[in-house]
Amino acid sequence: MKYTQLGQTSLQVSRICHGTWQFGGDWGSFEQREAQAAIRHALDLGINFFDTAQAYGFGASERVLGDALRPELKNQRDKVIVATKGGLRMEGDKLLRDASPKWLRQGVEQSLKNLGVDYIDLHQVHWPDPHTQSSETAGALEQFVKEGKVRYVGVSNYDAKQMAEFEKTRRIDTLQPPYHLFRREIEEEILPYCENHGIGVLVYGPLAHGLLGGRYTPQTTFAADDWRSKSRAFRGEGFKQNLRVVERLKDVAKRQGITVAQLAIAWVLANPAVDVAIVGARNPKQLEQTAPAADVQLREDSLREIEQIIQDVVLTGGPTPEGM
């Protein structure tokens, strides 16, 4: 497992971060014992970086992660780096953006309790909140740092303009944006902004939420409680076209002696502006198939061929709070 400095922080993190969104209920059911076994196996594979969020089941994912890492969090706190996110809340059956100081405070306190820790290594605003001034959000996060409850401050799903506005009050340590072979808009302005401002980048969705895993067919369906069952990216002609692209990418991966999933993750990590790729796993076996991507260096001919192949993709997005 390779490690890197996350932006300009003091955090030395594995280039693969173990993501835990799948333990929050939005991806269908999961087996808790297997989930915790996957987290423990991540440690065995050299992964020391774990990402969760308050909104992943509003405590469910954080508790699974905290329980699985209890020995390290209790006795070797510096061995693991835990990132979480706040700034979303439920109102009835609607998931809303709320990065107000009051809700962020409530979220941080609850996250500390759910994880069973005295401090959070990296706390991120999950989505920009159009109804709260950036100065209020940034000021609240800076206060958490002063209180010792948070070490570093990040944002997620922000564009360059939103980051610049935030940084009028408090510098941003990290950004967590979506990025994969079928979604590359952050290359235009967002990644250059991060490079110019020393912001660490941990990207989510490098496997396009499973599209680049190599297992789906045009007949693949998803459970009703899996958000992908309602997403246009996973049905219809666009889904079929992207699966044809995946088949061509499999040939490139095979010639380099890796899987298409490893190729997709390695491609993300090949971007010099990207520090870390967040990869989820429901069980230890899934993690064994993706973690080796941290050590893959794609050949120049492979990168050129990938670039040609993905000209045929149907661009895909992901879920938003309003769409969940």
C-alpha atoms as a PDB file:
ATOM      1  CA  MET A   1       0.000   0.000   0.000  1.00  0.00           C
ATOM      2  CA  LYS A   2       1.312   3.413  -0.949  1.00  0.00           C
ATOM      3  CA  TYR A   3       0.931   6.437   1.322  1.00  0.00           C
ATOM      4  CA  THR A   4       0.885  10.160   0.704  1.00  0.00           C
ATOM      5  CA  GLN A   5       0.611  13.449   2.531  1.00  0.00           C
ATOM      6  CA  LEU A   6      -2.965  14.703   2.314  1.00  0.00           C
ATOM      7  CA  GLY A   7      -2.670  18.207   0.895  1.00  0.00           C
ATOM      8  CA  GLN A   8      -0.752  20.428   3.299  1.00  0.00           C
ATOM      9  CA  THR A   9      -1.984  18.616   6.409  1.00  0.00           C
ATOM     10  CA  SER A  10       0.228  16.478   8.622  1.00  0.00           C
ATOM     11  CA  LEU A  11      -1.856  13.415   7.737  1.00  0.00           C
ATOM     12  CA  GLN A  12       0.041  10.559   6.061  1.00  0.00           C
ATOM     13  CA  VAL A  13      -2.719   8.494   4.496  1.00  0.00           C
ATOM     14  CA  SER A  14      -3.050   5.374   2.379  1.00  0.00           C
ATOM     15  CA  ARG A  15      -3.846   6.207  -1.240  1.00  0.00           C
ATOM     16  CA  ILE A  16      -6.893   3.976  -0.913  1.00  0.00           C
ATOM     17  CA  CYS A  17      -9.405   5.218   1.641  1.00  0.00           C
ATOM     18  CA  HIS A  18     -12.001   2.742   2.856  1.00  0.00           C
ATOM     19  CA  GLY A  19     -15.422   4.316   2.273  1.00  0.00           C
ATOM     20  CA  THR A  20     -18.445   3.316   4.349  1.00  0.00           C
ATOM     21  CA  TRP A  21     -21.447   4.840   2.572  1.00  0.00           C
ATOM     22  CA  GLN A  22     -22.634   1.310   1.836  1.00  0.00           C
ATOM     23  CA  PHE A  23     -23.272   0.786   5.561  1.00  0.00           C
ATOM     24  CA  GLY A  24     -25.799   3.614   5.804  1.00  0.00           C
ATOM     25  CA  GLY A  25     -28.814   1.989   4.138  1.00  0.00           C
ATOM     26  CA  ASP A  26     -28.739   3.707   0.721  1.00  0.00           C
ATOM     27  CA  TRP A  27     -27.204   0.693  -1.042  1.00  0.00           C
ATOM     28  CA  GLY A  28     -29.602  -1.978   0.164  1.00  0.00           C
ATOM     29  CA  SER A  29     -29.121  -4.348   3.058  1.00  0.00           C
ATOM     30  CA  PHE A  30     -25.740  -5.480   4.363  1.00  0.00           C
ATOM     31  CA  GLU A  31     -24.417  -7.953   6.901  1.00  0.00           C
ATOM     32  CA  GLN A  32     -22.893  -6.054   9.831  1.00  0.00           C
ATOM     33  CA  ARG A  33     -20.399  -8.762  10.744  1.00  0.00           C
ATOM     34  CA  GLU A  34     -19.071  -8.842   7.175  1.00  0.00           C
ATOM     35  CA  ALA A  35     -18.974  -5.045   7.082  1.00  0.00           C
ATOM     36  CA  GLN A  36     -16.805  -4.919  10.179  1.00  0.00           C
ATOM     37  CA  ALA A  37     -14.656  -7.765   8.864  1.00  0.00           C
ATOM     38  CA  ALA A  38     -14.038  -5.701   5.720  1.00  0.00           C
ATOM     39  CA  ILE A  39     -12.931  -2.740   7.844  1.00  0.00           C
ATOM     40  CA  ARG A  40     -10.583  -4.940   9.862  1.00  0.00           C
ATOM     41  CA  HIS A  41      -9.204  -6.448   6.653  1.00  0.00           C
ATOM     42  CA  ALA A  42      -8.568  -2.947   5.306  1.00  0.00           C
ATOM     43  CA  LEU A  43      -6.117  -2.482   8.176  1.00  0.00           C
ATOM     44  CA  ASP A  44      -4.438  -5.775   7.257  1.00  0.00           C
ATOM     45  CA  LEU A  45      -3.983  -4.493   3.692  1.00  0.00           C
ATOM     46  CA  GLY A  46      -2.296  -1.323   4.932  1.00  0.00           C
ATOM     47  CA  ILE A  47      -5.272   1.043   4.666  1.00  0.00           C
ATOM     48  CA  ASN A  48      -5.194   3.587   7.489  1.00  0.00           C
ATOM     49  CA  PHE A  49      -7.758   6.087   6.154  1.00  0.00           C
ATOM     50  CA  PHE A  50     -11.527   5.666   6.640  1.00  0.00           C
ATOM     51  CA  ASP A  51     -14.337   7.921   5.412  1.00  0.00           C
ATOM     52  CA  THR A  52     -17.912   8.056   6.686  1.00  0.00           C
ATOM     53  CA  ALA A  53     -20.652  10.665   7.200  1.00  0.00           C
ATOM     54  CA  GLN A  54     -23.354  11.646   9.613  1.00  0.00           C
ATOM     55  CA  ALA A  55     -25.936  11.270   6.838  1.00  0.00           C
ATOM     56  CA  TYR A  56     -24.961   7.660   6.041  1.00  0.00           C
ATOM     57  CA  GLY A  57     -27.866   6.285   8.005  1.00  0.00           C
ATOM     58  CA  PHE A  58     -27.622   9.151  10.506  1.00  0.00           C
ATOM     59  CA  GLY A  59     -25.257   7.320  12.787  1.00  0.00           C
ATOM     60  CA  ALA A  60     -25.476   3.804  11.341  1.00  0.00           C
ATOM     61  CA  SER A  61     -22.289   3.943   9.251  1.00  0.00           C
ATOM     62  CA  GLU A  62     -20.321   5.856  11.896  1.00  0.00           C
ATOM     63  CA  ARG A  63     -21.238   3.303  14.556  1.00  0.00           C
ATOM     64  CA  VAL A  64     -20.256   0.365  12.326  1.00  0.00           C
ATOM     65  CA  LEU A  65     -16.890   2.020  11.664  1.00  0.00           C
ATOM     66  CA  GLY A  66     -16.302   3.027  15.281  1.00  0.00           C
ATOM     67  CA  ASP A  67     -17.116  -0.455  16.594  1.00  0.00           C
ATOM     68  CA  ALA A  68     -14.881  -2.136  14.002  1.00  0.00           C
ATOM     69  CA  LEU A  69     -11.928   0.138  14.796  1.00  0.00           C
ATOM     70  CA  ARG A  70     -12.480   0.150  18.565  1.00  0.00           C
ATOM     71  CA  PRO A  71      -9.081  -1.396  19.500  1.00  0.00           C
ATOM     72  CA  GLU A  72      -7.172   1.205  17.464  1.00  0.00           C
ATOM     73  CA  LEU A  73      -9.399   4.128  18.415  1.00  0.00           C
ATOM     74  CA  LYS A  74      -8.995   3.259  22.089  1.00  0.00           C
ATOM     75  CA  ASN A  75      -5.330   2.301  22.321  1.00  0.00           C
ATOM     76  CA  GLN A  76      -3.593   3.374  19.086  1.00  0.00           C
ATOM     77  CA  ARG A  77      -5.491   6.466  18.023  1.00  0.00           C
ATOM     78  CA  ASP A  78      -2.689   7.713  15.769  1.00  0.00           C
ATOM     79  CA  LYS A  79      -2.754   4.453  13.785  1.00  0.00           C
ATOM     80  CA  VAL A  80      -6.033   5.272  12.015  1.00  0.00           C
ATOM     81  CA  ILE A  81      -7.275   8.451  10.340  1.00  0.00           C
ATOM     82  CA  VAL A  82     -11.025   8.971  10.431  1.00  0.00           C
ATOM     83  CA  ALA A  83     -12.910  11.391   8.212  1.00  0.00           C
ATOM     84  CA  THR A  84     -16.611  12.143   8.482  1.00  0.00           C
ATOM     85  CA  LYS A  85     -19.013  14.672   7.013  1.00  0.00           C
ATOM     86  CA  GLY A  86     -21.842  16.848   8.305  1.00  0.00           C
ATOM     87  CA  GLY A  87     -24.310  19.359   6.960  1.00  0.00           C
ATOM     88  CA  LEU A  88     -27.268  17.205   5.898  1.00  0.00           C
ATOM     89  CA  ARG A  89     -30.429  16.597   7.899  1.00  0.00           C
ATOM     90  CA  MET A  90     -33.792  14.929   7.505  1.00  0.00           C
ATOM     91  CA  GLU A  91     -37.024  16.909   7.502  1.00  0.00           C
ATOM     92  CA  GLY A  92     -39.831  14.418   7.287  1.00  0.00           C
ATOM     93  CA  ASP A  93     -38.870  12.177   4.384  1.00  0.00           C
ATOM     94  CA  LYS A  94     -36.658  14.794   2.719  1.00  0.00           C
ATOM     95  CA  LEU A  95     -32.871  14.998   2.939  1.00  0.00           C
ATOM     96  CA  LEU A  96     -31.874  18.662   3.159  1.00  0.00           C
ATOM     97  CA  ARG A  97     -28.624  20.634   3.068  1.00  0.00           C
ATOM     98  CA  ASP A  98     -27.986  22.449   6.351  1.00  0.00           C
ATOM     99  CA  ALA A  99     -24.477  23.746   7.041  1.00  0.00           C
ATOM    100  CA  SER A 100     -25.661  26.210   9.676  1.00  0.00           C
ATOM    101  CA  PRO A 101     -23.477  26.489  12.813  1.00  0.00           C
ATOM    102  CA  LYS A 102     -26.272  25.035  14.950  1.00  0.00           C
ATOM    103  CA  TRP A 103     -26.726  21.894  12.853  1.00  0.00           C
ATOM    104  CA  LEU A 104     -22.995  21.422  12.287  1.00  0.00           C
ATOM    105  CA  ARG A 105     -22.469  21.619  16.062  1.00  0.00           C
ATOM    106  CA  GLN A 106     -25.143  19.024  16.668  1.00  0.00           C
ATOM    107  CA  GLY A 107     -23.649  16.828  13.952  1.00  0.00           C
ATOM    108  CA  VAL A 108     -20.082  16.996  15.262  1.00  0.00           C
ATOM    109  CA  GLU A 109     -21.178  16.122  18.791  1.00  0.00           C
ATOM    110  CA  GLN A 110     -23.224  13.184  17.495  1.00  0.00           C
ATOM    111  CA  SER A 111     -20.404  11.977  15.231  1.00  0.00           C
ATOM    112  CA  LEU A 112     -17.950  11.990  18.139  1.00  0.00           C
ATOM    113  CA  LYS A 113     -20.399   9.868  20.114  1.00  0.00           C
ATOM    114  CA  ASN A 114     -21.175   7.508  17.229  1.00  0.00           C
ATOM    115  CA  LEU A 115     -17.492   6.925  16.481  1.00  0.00           C
ATOM    116  CA  GLY A 116     -16.524   6.770  20.142  1.00  0.00           C
ATOM    117  CA  VAL A 117     -13.655   9.256  19.766  1.00  0.00           C
ATOM    118  CA  ASP A 118     -12.487  12.477  21.396  1.00  0.00           C
ATOM    119  CA  TYR A 119     -11.630  14.124  18.081  1.00  0.00           C
ATOM    120  CA  ILE A 120     -12.212  13.708  14.345  1.00  0.00           C
ATOM    121  CA  ASP A 121      -9.167  13.838  12.082  1.00  0.00           C
ATOM    122  CA  LEU A 122     -11.039  15.399   9.151  1.00  0.00           C
ATOM    123  CA  HIS A 123     -14.510  16.922   9.268  1.00  0.00           C
ATOM    124  CA  GLN A 124     -16.071  17.862   5.930  1.00  0.00           C
ATOM    125  CA  VAL A 125     -19.151  19.801   4.847  1.00  0.00           C
ATOM    126  CA  HIS A 126     -21.083  17.183   2.889  1.00  0.00           C
ATOM    127  CA  TRP A 127     -22.732  19.538   0.355  1.00  0.00           C
ATOM    128  CA  PRO A 128     -22.696  23.322  -0.113  1.00  0.00           C
ATOM    129  CA  ASP A 129     -25.692  24.899   1.579  1.00  0.00           C
ATOM    130  CA  PRO A 130     -27.190  27.775  -0.470  1.00  0.00           C
ATOM    131  CA  HIS A 131     -29.149  29.007   2.540  1.00  0.00           C
ATOM    132  CA  THR A 132     -26.186  29.536   4.899  1.00  0.00           C
ATOM    133  CA  GLN A 133     -23.410  32.074   4.459  1.00  0.00           C
ATOM    134  CA  SER A 134     -20.032  30.425   3.822  1.00  0.00           C
ATOM    135  CA  SER A 135     -18.532  32.611   6.528  1.00  0.00           C
ATOM    136  CA  GLU A 136     -20.913  31.086   9.095  1.00  0.00           C
ATOM    137  CA  THR A 137     -20.104  27.539   8.016  1.00  0.00           C
ATOM    138  CA  ALA A 138     -16.355  28.140   7.904  1.00  0.00           C
ATOM    139  CA  GLY A 139     -16.412  29.959  11.239  1.00  0.00           C
ATOM    140  CA  ALA A 140     -18.230  27.080  12.915  1.00  0.00           C
ATOM    141  CA  LEU A 141     -15.710  24.535  11.632  1.00  0.00           C
ATOM    142  CA  GLU A 142     -12.793  26.704  12.751  1.00  0.00           C
ATOM    143  CA  GLN A 143     -14.345  26.798  16.220  1.00  0.00           C
ATOM    144  CA  PHE A 144     -14.418  22.976  16.321  1.00  0.00           C
ATOM    145  CA  VAL A 145     -10.695  22.987  15.510  1.00  0.00           C
ATOM    146  CA  LYS A 146      -9.989  25.458  18.316  1.00  0.00           C
ATOM    147  CA  GLU A 147     -11.922  23.253  20.722  1.00  0.00           C
ATOM    148  CA  GLY A 148      -9.826  20.210  19.739  1.00  0.00           C
ATOM    149  CA  LYS A 149     -12.811  18.275  18.416  1.00  0.00           C
ATOM    150  CA  VAL A 150     -11.609  18.430  14.789  1.00  0.00           C
ATOM    151  CA  ARG A 151      -8.055  18.438  13.424  1.00  0.00           C
ATOM    152  CA  TYR A 152      -8.656  19.460   9.819  1.00  0.00           C
ATOM    153  CA  VAL A 153     -11.504  20.969   7.824  1.00  0.00           C
ATOM    154  CA  GLY A 154     -12.708  19.854   4.404  1.00  0.00           C
ATOM    155  CA  VAL A 155     -15.579  20.326   1.985  1.00  0.00           C
ATOM    156  CA  SER A 156     -17.296  17.918  -0.375  1.00  0.00           C
ATOM    157  CA  ASN A 157     -19.052  18.551  -3.693  1.00  0.00           C
ATOM    158  CA  TYR A 158     -17.952  22.215  -3.785  1.00  0.00           C
ATOM    159  CA  ASP A 159     -16.974  23.968  -6.998  1.00  0.00           C
ATOM    160  CA  ALA A 160     -14.051  26.384  -7.328  1.00  0.00           C
ATOM    161  CA  LYS A 161     -16.175  29.494  -6.734  1.00  0.00           C
ATOM    162  CA  GLN A 162     -17.711  28.005  -3.591  1.00  0.00           C
ATOM    163  CA  MET A 163     -14.295  27.044  -2.257  1.00  0.00           C
ATOM    164  CA  ALA A 164     -12.947  30.538  -2.892  1.00  0.00           C
ATOM    165  CA  GLU A 165     -15.867  32.043  -0.972  1.00  0.00           C
ATOM    166  CA  PHE A 166     -15.337  29.619   1.926  1.00  0.00           C
ATOM    167  CA  GLU A 167     -11.635  30.434   2.055  1.00  0.00           C
ATOM    168  CA  LYS A 168     -12.334  34.116   2.698  1.00  0.00           C
ATOM    169  CA  THR A 169     -13.008  32.971   6.279  1.00  0.00           C
ATOM    170  CA  ARG A 170     -11.021  29.753   6.766  1.00  0.00           C
ATOM    171  CA  ARG A 171      -8.622  27.824   4.547  1.00  0.00           C
ATOM    172  CA  ILE A 172      -9.853  24.513   3.175  1.00  0.00           C
ATOM    173  CA  ASP A 173      -7.624  21.549   3.984  1.00  0.00           C
ATOM    174  CA  THR A 174      -9.299  18.999   1.716  1.00  0.00           C
ATOM    175  CA  LEU A 175     -11.911  18.543  -0.989  1.00  0.00           C
ATOM    176  CA  GLN A 176     -13.963  15.397  -1.604  1.00  0.00           C
ATOM    177  CA  PRO A 177     -15.413  15.500  -5.150  1.00  0.00           C
ATOM    178  CA  PRO A 178     -16.852  12.793  -7.437  1.00  0.00           C
ATOM    179  CA  TYR A 179     -14.399  11.601 -10.088  1.00  0.00           C
ATOM    180  CA  HIS A 180     -14.238   8.616 -12.413  1.00  0.00           C
ATOM    181  CA  LEU A 181     -13.822   7.701 -16.067  1.00  0.00           C
ATOM    182  CA  PHE A 182     -17.452   8.581 -16.788  1.00  0.00           C
ATOM    183  CA  ARG A 183     -17.415  11.873 -14.849  1.00  0.00           C
ATOM    184  CA  ARG A 184     -14.504  14.266 -15.349  1.00  0.00           C
ATOM    185  CA  GLU A 185     -15.814  17.818 -14.951  1.00  0.00           C
ATOM    186  CA  ILE A 186     -13.556  18.519 -11.954  1.00  0.00           C
ATOM    187  CA  GLU A 187     -10.548  18.515 -14.296  1.00  0.00           C
ATOM    188  CA  GLU A 188     -11.553  21.907 -15.731  1.00  0.00           C
ATOM    189  CA  GLU A 189     -11.520  24.271 -12.731  1.00  0.00           C
ATOM    190  CA  ILE A 190     -11.830  22.348  -9.468  1.00  0.00           C
ATOM    191  CA  LEU A 191      -8.621  20.301  -9.526  1.00  0.00           C
ATOM    192  CA  PRO A 192      -6.517  23.262 -10.734  1.00  0.00           C
ATOM    193  CA  TYR A 193      -7.931  25.352  -7.864  1.00  0.00           C
ATOM    194  CA  CYS A 194      -6.966  22.635  -5.386  1.00  0.00           C
ATOM    195  CA  GLU A 195      -3.449  22.360  -6.800  1.00  0.00           C
ATOM    196  CA  ASN A 196      -2.954  26.123  -6.662  1.00  0.00           C
ATOM    197  CA  HIS A 197      -4.197  26.367  -3.083  1.00  0.00           C
ATOM    198  CA  GLY A 198      -2.568  23.288  -1.578  1.00  0.00           C
ATOM    199  CA  ILE A 199      -5.876  21.523  -0.967  1.00  0.00           C
ATOM    200  CA  GLY A 200      -5.747  17.757  -0.534  1.00  0.00           C
ATOM    201  CA  VAL A 201      -8.120  15.810  -2.791  1.00  0.00           C
ATOM    202  CA  LEU A 202      -9.835  12.552  -1.869  1.00  0.00           C
ATOM    203  CA  VAL A 203     -12.217  11.530  -4.640  1.00  0.00           C
ATOM    204  CA  TYR A 204     -15.295   9.382  -4.273  1.00  0.00           C
ATOM    205  CA  GLY A 205     -16.935   7.068  -6.795  1.00  0.00           C
ATOM    206  CA  PRO A 206     -13.809   5.972  -8.732  1.00  0.00           C
ATOM    207  CA  LEU A 207     -15.714   2.872  -9.853  1.00  0.00           C
ATOM    208  CA  ALA A 208     -18.681   4.971 -11.020  1.00  0.00           C
ATOM    209  CA  HIS A 209     -20.762   3.457  -8.210  1.00  0.00           C
ATOM    210  CA  GLY A 210     -20.165  -0.049  -9.569  1.00  0.00           C
ATOM    211  CA  LEU A 211     -20.348   0.611 -13.330  1.00  0.00           C
ATOM    212  CA  LEU A 212     -16.586   0.178 -13.619  1.00  0.00           C
ATOM    213  CA  GLY A 213     -16.450  -2.873 -11.378  1.00  0.00           C
ATOM    214  CA  GLY A 214     -16.772  -5.217 -14.344  1.00  0.00           C
ATOM    215  CA  ARG A 215     -19.624  -7.314 -12.961  1.00  0.00           C
ATOM    216  CA  TYR A 216     -22.740  -5.652 -14.414  1.00  0.00           C
ATOM    217  CA  THR A 217     -24.620  -6.761 -17.518  1.00  0.00           C
ATOM    218  CA  PRO A 218     -27.545  -5.116 -19.344  1.00  0.00           C
ATOM    219  CA  GLN A 219     -29.794  -7.399 -17.278  1.00  0.00           C
ATOM    220  CA  THR A 220     -28.467  -6.178 -13.913  1.00  0.00           C
ATOM    221  CA  THR A 221     -31.114  -4.757 -11.588  1.00  0.00           C
ATOM    222  CA  PHE A 222     -30.928  -3.245  -8.111  1.00  0.00           C
ATOM    223  CA  ALA A 223     -32.953  -3.642  -4.941  1.00  0.00           C
ATOM    224  CA  ALA A 224     -35.683  -1.072  -4.309  1.00  0.00           C
ATOM    225  CA  ASP A 225     -33.769   0.343  -1.320  1.00  0.00           C
ATOM    226  CA  ASP A 226     -30.611   0.797  -3.416  1.00  0.00           C
ATOM    227  CA  TRP A 227     -30.417   4.377  -4.771  1.00  0.00           C
ATOM    228  CA  ARG A 228     -29.156   3.055  -8.108  1.00  0.00           C
ATOM    229  CA  SER A 229     -32.567   1.499  -8.812  1.00  0.00           C
ATOM    230  CA  LYS A 230     -33.889   5.031  -9.338  1.00  0.00           C
ATOM    231  CA  SER A 231     -30.876   6.419 -11.227  1.00  0.00           C
ATOM    232  CA  ARG A 232     -30.911   6.921 -15.008  1.00  0.00           C
ATOM    233  CA  ALA A 233     -27.206   6.021 -15.030  1.00  0.00           C
ATOM    234  CA  PHE A 234     -28.114   2.412 -14.263  1.00  0.00           C
ATOM    235  CA  ARG A 235     -30.856   1.727 -16.788  1.00  0.00           C
ATOM    236  CA  GLY A 236     -31.734   2.284 -20.414  1.00  0.00           C
ATOM    237  CA  GLU A 237     -29.529   2.787 -23.442  1.00  0.00           C
ATOM    238  CA  GLY A 238     -26.975   4.944 -21.601  1.00  0.00           C
ATOM    239  CA  PHE A 239     -26.356   2.111 -19.147  1.00  0.00           C
ATOM    240  CA  LYS A 240     -25.899  -0.372 -21.997  1.00  0.00           C
ATOM    241  CA  GLN A 241     -23.530   1.954 -23.871  1.00  0.00           C
ATOM    242  CA  ASN A 242     -21.318   2.416 -20.827  1.00  0.00           C
ATOM    243  CA  LEU A 243     -21.213  -1.326 -20.257  1.00  0.00           C
ATOM    244  CA  ARG A 244     -19.904  -1.698 -23.827  1.00  0.00           C
ATOM    245  CA  VAL A 245     -17.177   0.811 -22.935  1.00  0.00           C
ATOM    246  CA  VAL A 246     -16.340  -1.237 -19.835  1.00  0.00           C
ATOM    247  CA  GLU A 247     -15.870  -4.327 -22.009  1.00  0.00           C
ATOM    248  CA  ARG A 248     -13.292  -2.452 -24.091  1.00  0.00           C
ATOM    249  CA  LEU A 249     -11.561  -1.232 -20.940  1.00  0.00           C
ATOM    250  CA  LYS A 250     -11.355  -4.840 -19.746  1.00  0.00           C
ATOM    251  CA  ASP A 251      -9.131  -5.608 -22.726  1.00  0.00           C
ATOM    252  CA  VAL A 252      -6.755  -2.785 -21.773  1.00  0.00           C
ATOM    253  CA  ALA A 253      -6.681  -3.991 -18.175  1.00  0.00           C
ATOM    254  CA  LYS A 254      -6.014  -7.569 -19.219  1.00  0.00           C
ATOM    255  CA  ARG A 255      -2.980  -6.557 -21.267  1.00  0.00           C
ATOM    256  CA  GLN A 256      -1.558  -4.812 -18.206  1.00  0.00           C
ATOM    257  CA  GLY A 257      -2.310  -7.806 -15.983  1.00  0.00           C
ATOM    258  CA  ILE A 258      -4.944  -6.124 -13.814  1.00  0.00           C
ATOM    259  CA  THR A 259      -8.732  -6.048 -13.481  1.00  0.00           C
ATOM    260  CA  VAL A 260     -10.906  -3.311 -14.943  1.00  0.00           C
ATOM    261  CA  ALA A 261     -11.743  -2.147 -11.406  1.00  0.00           C
ATOM    262  CA  GLN A 262      -8.055  -1.787 -10.607  1.00  0.00           C
ATOM    263  CA  LEU A 263      -7.555   0.056 -13.886  1.00  0.00           C
ATOM    264  CA  ALA A 264     -10.345   2.530 -13.061  1.00  0.00           C
ATOM    265  CA  ILE A 265      -8.935   3.289  -9.609  1.00  0.00           C
ATOM    266  CA  ALA A 266      -5.355   3.519 -10.883  1.00  0.00           C
ATOM    267  CA  TRP A 267      -6.514   5.949 -13.593  1.00  0.00           C
ATOM    268  CA  VAL A 268      -7.981   8.259 -10.946  1.00  0.00           C
ATOM    269  CA  LEU A 269      -4.812   8.062  -8.840  1.00  0.00           C
ATOM    270  CA  ALA A 270      -2.664   8.807 -11.897  1.00  0.00           C
ATOM    271  CA  ASN A 271      -3.959  12.375 -11.868  1.00  0.00           C
ATOM    272  CA  PRO A 272      -1.278  14.385 -10.001  1.00  0.00           C
ATOM    273  CA  ALA A 273      -3.939  16.539  -8.325  1.00  0.00           C
ATOM    274  CA  VAL A 274      -5.555  13.502  -6.666  1.00  0.00           C
ATOM    275  CA  ASP A 275      -4.149  12.248  -3.357  1.00  0.00           C
ATOM    276  CA  VAL A 276      -6.599   9.496  -2.469  1.00  0.00           C
ATOM    277  CA  ALA A 277      -9.384   7.364  -3.965  1.00  0.00           C
ATOM    278  CA  ILE A 278     -12.269   6.361  -1.704  1.00  0.00           C
ATOM    279  CA  VAL A 279     -13.326   2.774  -2.364  1.00  0.00           C
ATOM    280  CA  GLY A 280     -16.095   0.927  -0.550  1.00  0.00           C
ATOM    281  CA  ALA A 281     -16.451  -2.776   0.146  1.00  0.00           C
ATOM    282  CA  ARG A 282     -19.201  -4.818   1.733  1.00  0.00           C
ATOM    283  CA  ASN A 283     -16.898  -7.724   2.579  1.00  0.00           C
ATOM    284  CA  PRO A 284     -13.164  -8.551   2.761  1.00  0.00           C
ATOM    285  CA  LYS A 285     -13.130 -10.270  -0.636  1.00  0.00           C
ATOM    286  CA  GLN A 286     -14.274  -7.113  -2.453  1.00  0.00           C
ATOM    287  CA  LEU A 287     -11.517  -5.121  -0.797  1.00  0.00           C
ATOM    288  CA  GLU A 288      -8.835  -7.588  -1.873  1.00  0.00           C
ATOM    289  CA  GLN A 289      -9.875  -6.984  -5.477  1.00  0.00           C
ATOM    290  CA  THR A 290      -9.568  -3.181  -5.317  1.00  0.00           C
ATOM    291  CA  ALA A 291      -6.869  -2.304  -2.762  1.00  0.00           C
ATOM    292  CA  PRO A 292      -3.977  -3.443  -5.022  1.00  0.00           C
ATOM    293  CA  ALA A 293      -4.826  -0.558  -7.377  1.00  0.00           C
ATOM    294  CA  ALA A 294      -2.802   1.743  -5.113  1.00  0.00           C
ATOM    295  CA  ASP A 295       0.347   0.029  -6.367  1.00  0.00           C
ATOM    296  CA  VAL A 296      -0.590   0.040 -10.067  1.00  0.00           C
ATOM    297  CA  GLN A 297       1.182   2.436 -12.407  1.00  0.00           C
ATOM    298  CA  LEU A 298      -0.591   2.552 -15.734  1.00  0.00           C
ATOM    299  CA  ARG A 299       1.629   2.449 -18.806  1.00  0.00           C
ATOM    300  CA  GLU A 300       1.600   5.412 -21.180  1.00  0.00           C
ATOM    301  CA  ASP A 301       0.146   3.311 -23.982  1.00  0.00           C
ATOM    302  CA  SER A 302      -2.648   2.178 -21.639  1.00  0.00           C
ATOM    303  CA  LEU A 303      -3.442   5.775 -20.688  1.00  0.00           C
ATOM    304  CA  ARG A 304      -3.607   6.792 -24.337  1.00  0.00           C
ATOM    305  CA  GLU A 305      -5.893   3.906 -25.213  1.00  0.00           C
ATOM    306  CA  ILE A 306      -8.158   4.627 -22.248  1.00  0.00           C
ATOM    307  CA  GLU A 307      -8.445   8.228 -23.393  1.00  0.00           C
ATOM    308  CA  GLN A 308      -9.607   7.077 -26.821  1.00  0.00           C
ATOM    309  CA  ILE A 309     -12.080   4.530 -25.479  1.00  0.00           C
ATOM    310  CA  ILE A 310     -13.833   6.888 -23.090  1.00  0.00           C
ATOM    311  CA  GLN A 311     -14.702   9.274 -25.893  1.00  0.00           C
ATOM    312  CA  ASP A 312     -17.721   6.987 -26.332  1.00  0.00           C
ATOM    313  CA  VAL A 313     -19.028   7.140 -22.756  1.00  0.00           C
ATOM    314  CA  VAL A 314     -22.391   8.504 -21.726  1.00  0.00           C
ATOM    315  CA  LEU A 315     -21.503  10.983 -18.999  1.00  0.00           C
ATOM    316  CA  THR A 316     -23.005  10.032 -15.660  1.00  0.00           C
ATOM    317  CA  GLY A 317     -23.740  11.900 -12.464  1.00  0.00           C
ATOM    318  CA  GLY A 318     -24.517  10.714  -8.999  1.00  0.00           C
ATOM    319  CA  PRO A 319     -27.115  11.249  -6.309  1.00  0.00           C
ATOM    320  CA  THR A 320     -27.744  14.611  -4.676  1.00  0.00           C
ATOM    321  CA  PRO A 321     -29.487  15.184  -1.329  1.00  0.00           C
ATOM    322  CA  GLU A 322     -32.588  16.362  -3.192  1.00  0.00           C
ATOM    323  CA  GLY A 323     -32.605  13.164  -5.235  1.00  0.00           C
ATOM    324  CA  MET A 324     -32.108  10.684  -2.427  1.00  0.00           C
END
